[in-house]
Amino acid sequence: MSWRSIVISQPAQLAFAQKAMQIIQGEGIDKKIAKIPLEGISILVIDQPQVSLSSKLLSACAEAQIAVITVGENHLPNGVLLPYLSHSRALKVMRAQLNLSLPTKKRLWQRIIQQKIRNQAAILTQYQKHIVANRLNTLANTVRSGDSENLEGQAAQAYFPGLFGENFFRHQDRFL
């Protein structure tokens, strides 16, 4: 079962060889080659304009049920290649998710939001932003089933200015 999300963020050549994606970076003595079996890949994100890949790899990705996502200059997704014929397992998972009871869906959403907020707090802690991180951890502990109080949004309002500064706003141009 696939589980890896692969992000290509450096110049590379991508090819298909021996049921694996081959990643080639550099040239001559500095040339590095890595292989990742396609069976372990769920998503391939190409976040670098200097990536070349073969049509054979794209076809193999489609056959292996791997979504390929391209990213624009702003580092936001701008295109996607999805397999044409979905595997029956994906349909079974989708049906099982759709058939969950509403209370179960709300509890799962609660856990997702709690973990998302805890992850944001962990990032802030890494950057020595302990006051905001503590606030987020407190919010995470108070998320209710279904996040009816929208603590996810409240956490975002604290997280982004806490990480990027008080003058941060969502749609401003940022240079990485």
Foldseek 3Di string as FASTA:
>chain_A
DADDEAEAADAWEWEDDPQWIWTWDDDDPPIDIDTDHLLHHAEYEYNYPNYHYDVVVVVSNLVSQYKYFYADPQRHTDDIDGRPDDDVVVVVVVVVVVPDDPQVVQVVVLVVLLVVLQVLLVVLVVVVLNVLSVVSNVLSVPQDRNSPVPSSVVNVVSRPCSVPNPPDDDPDDDDD
